[in-house]
């Protein structure tokens, strides 16, 4: 029987991420997750690599379909570009 929990993806990479979950997950639990990015939805399978008392869990991604991986790569690239732009803006307006 599959259980569903609400969560929020805090950090993501091609190989893993950090997930806030509404209920603590056991170490080694295998999960399926779906999340929405600016490039579209991404579906993947992962394993809980670490969990703590703050309701966050570290994920190790095991499987994504090729189209999902392309969307995930695009979302990560977009985020990196935005972070670089923000950093440049902060540097430009920093009082020296």
Foldseek 3Di string as FASTA:
>chain_A
DDDDWDWDFDADDLFKGKIATPDWDDAQDKDWDWDAAPLGIWIFIWGFHDTDPRRMTITTTDDTDPVNSVSRVVRVVVVVVVVVVVVVVCVVPDDD
